Amino acid sequence: MPLTLKPIDNDQTASWGLNISSSDFQKLKSGFSPMSMDDKWVIKATEPDQNGSIAVHYARSWTGAQFYILTLKPTDNNCAVVESITWRRGPNADAGTSSKQARKETVILSRMLLGCQFESLPHYDSSIFWNPQDDDSDD
């Protein structure tokens, strides 16, 4: 039975403008399907919309609860730009997840599960996942 993705509760969207390689673009479009009960995430891309943009959904594998959505716009040479990120802020909108933290978490998941490189971004230690750093407030 296919997993139904649930809408993000208390979501927020921010522009990003991150250029990604052809290889990373292909990996994001291919997504990630859980192979066992130990796999906690599913990553699923949509078909291009009328503007050519592709949404990549990051959700929990057991519940279908979405946490992140990247909007990708294809460019020349089969590369893409991550135009925006939508994320689940958490139950308290005043103290929710920042856009910087949400970006780091999607990069960590994409690197771990899809093998993405995101060459222009620094390495993020996986220990920061869902553990915001003090200097992580939005600009």
Protein backbone atom coordinates (compact mmCIF):
# COMPACT_ATOMS: atom_id res chain seq x y z
CA MET A 1 0.00 0.00 0.00
CA PRO A 2 1.54 3.36 -1.03
CA LEU A 3 2.33 5.86 1.69
CA THR A 4 0.07 8.92 1.78
CA LEU A 5 1.96 12.10 2.59
CA LYS A 6 0.25 14.27 5.18
CA PRO A 7 0.36 18.07 4.91
CA ILE A 8 2.88 19.92 7.04
CA ASP A 9 1.36 21.37 10.20
CA ASN A 10 2.47 24.87 11.19
CA ASP A 11 4.60 25.26 8.06
CA GLN A 12 6.80 28.10 6.94
CA THR A 13 8.51 28.74 3.61
CA ALA A 14 11.72 30.62 2.86
CA SER A 15 13.60 31.26 -0.37
CA TRP A 16 16.95 29.52 -0.72
CA GLY A 17 18.63 29.99 -4.13
CA LEU A 18 21.05 27.05 -3.73
CA ASN A 19 22.62 25.87 -7.00
CA ILE A 20 22.97 22.09 -7.13
CA SER A 21 24.84 19.78 -9.49
CA SER A 22 23.29 17.55 -12.09
CA SER A 23 24.20 14.52 -9.95
CA ASP A 24 22.49 15.92 -6.84
CA PHE A 25 19.46 16.95 -8.92
CA GLN A 26 19.10 13.40 -10.25
CA LYS A 27 19.45 11.91 -6.76
CA LEU A 28 16.80 14.25 -5.34
CA LYS A 29 14.41 13.41 -8.19
CA SER A 30 14.97 9.68 -7.63
CA GLY A 31 14.17 9.98 -3.91
CA PHE A 32 14.48 7.35 -1.21
CA SER A 33 12.14 4.49 -0.38
CA PRO A 34 12.46 2.67 2.95
CA MET A 35 13.95 -0.80 2.62
CA SER A 36 13.17 -1.96 6.17
CA MET A 37 11.35 -0.92 9.33
CA ASP A 38 14.60 0.67 10.48
CA ASP A 39 14.41 3.29 7.72
CA LYS A 40 12.69 6.28 9.27
CA TRP A 41 12.39 8.56 6.22
CA VAL A 42 10.94 8.60 2.73
CA ILE A 43 11.99 11.18 0.14
CA LYS A 44 9.65 11.58 -2.79
CA ALA A 45 9.74 13.95 -5.77
CA THR A 46 6.72 15.10 -7.75
CA GLU A 47 6.45 15.46 -11.49
CA PRO A 48 7.26 18.98 -12.75
CA ASP A 49 4.44 21.49 -12.37
CA GLN A 50 3.29 23.91 -15.10
CA ASN A 51 6.35 26.10 -14.39
CA GLY A 52 8.75 23.13 -14.51
CA SER A 53 9.37 23.15 -10.74
CA ILE A 54 9.72 19.88 -8.86
CA ALA A 55 8.78 19.44 -5.20
CA VAL A 56 10.86 17.03 -3.13
CA HIS A 57 9.01 15.84 -0.01
CA TYR A 58 10.76 14.56 3.14
CA ALA A 59 8.41 12.56 5.37
CA ARG A 60 8.47 10.00 8.14
CA SER A 61 8.21 6.55 6.62
CA TRP A 62 5.71 5.06 9.07
CA THR A 63 3.27 7.95 9.35
CA GLY A 64 3.68 9.97 6.17
CA ALA A 65 4.07 13.13 8.28
CA GLN A 66 5.98 15.64 6.18
CA PHE A 67 8.75 17.73 7.69
CA TYR A 68 10.36 19.42 4.65
CA ILE A 69 9.63 20.25 1.02
CA LEU A 70 12.29 21.55 -1.36
CA THR A 71 11.17 23.31 -4.54
CA LEU A 72 13.67 22.69 -7.34
CA LYS A 73 13.83 24.61 -10.61
CA PRO A 74 15.78 22.88 -13.39
CA THR A 75 18.49 24.95 -15.12
CA ASP A 76 20.83 24.33 -18.04
CA ASN A 77 22.95 21.15 -18.15
CA ASN A 78 20.41 19.19 -16.07
CA CYS A 79 21.39 21.13 -12.94
CA ALA A 80 18.88 22.87 -10.67
CA VAL A 81 18.35 25.60 -8.12
CA VAL A 82 16.68 24.91 -4.79
CA GLU A 83 14.33 27.87 -4.97
CA SER A 84 12.68 27.43 -1.59
CA ILE A 85 12.27 25.26 1.45
CA THR A 86 9.07 24.64 3.38
CA TRP A 87 9.40 23.10 6.82
CA ARG A 88 7.51 22.12 9.92
CA ARG A 89 8.21 24.80 12.50
CA GLY A 90 7.03 22.74 15.45
CA PRO A 91 4.18 23.17 17.91
CA ASN A 92 5.27 26.60 19.12
CA ALA A 93 5.55 29.07 16.23
CA ASP A 94 7.46 31.57 18.40
CA ALA A 95 10.22 29.08 19.22
CA GLY A 96 10.01 26.84 16.17
CA THR A 97 12.70 25.57 13.84
CA SER A 98 14.56 28.32 11.99
CA SER A 99 15.07 28.31 8.22
CA LYS A 100 18.83 27.79 8.77
CA GLN A 101 18.18 24.71 10.90
CA ALA A 102 15.64 23.33 8.41
CA ARG A 103 18.16 23.77 5.58
CA LYS A 104 20.86 21.97 7.55
CA GLU A 105 18.50 19.10 8.38
CA THR A 106 17.47 18.58 4.72
CA VAL A 107 21.12 18.66 3.66
CA ILE A 108 22.02 16.07 6.32
CA LEU A 109 19.15 13.78 5.23
CA SER A 110 19.98 14.21 1.54
CA ARG A 111 23.62 13.41 2.10
CA MET A 112 22.92 10.40 4.33
CA LEU A 113 20.04 8.82 2.38
CA LEU A 114 20.65 9.91 -1.21
CA GLY A 115 24.40 10.43 -1.32
CA CYS A 116 24.03 14.08 -2.37
CA GLN A 117 27.19 16.20 -2.20
CA PHE A 118 25.98 19.83 -2.05
CA GLU A 119 29.56 20.86 -2.84
CA SER A 120 28.99 24.55 -2.04
CA LEU A 121 27.82 23.83 1.52
CA PRO A 122 29.93 22.93 4.56
CA HIS A 123 29.77 19.57 6.29
CA TYR A 124 27.09 19.49 9.00
CA ASP A 125 27.57 17.01 11.82
CA SER A 126 24.47 14.83 12.15
CA SER A 127 24.39 15.56 15.88
CA ILE A 128 22.83 18.97 15.08
CA PHE A 129 19.79 17.25 13.58
CA TRP A 130 16.76 18.46 15.57
CA ASN A 131 19.23 20.06 17.96
CA PRO A 132 19.52 23.73 16.96
CA GLN A 133 22.73 25.56 17.73
CA ASP A 134 22.70 28.86 19.65
CA ASP A 135 23.76 30.90 16.62
CA ASP A 136 21.06 29.43 14.37
CA SER A 137 18.51 32.23 14.40
CA ASP A 138 17.15 33.48 11.09
CA ASP A 139 18.80 36.52 9.56
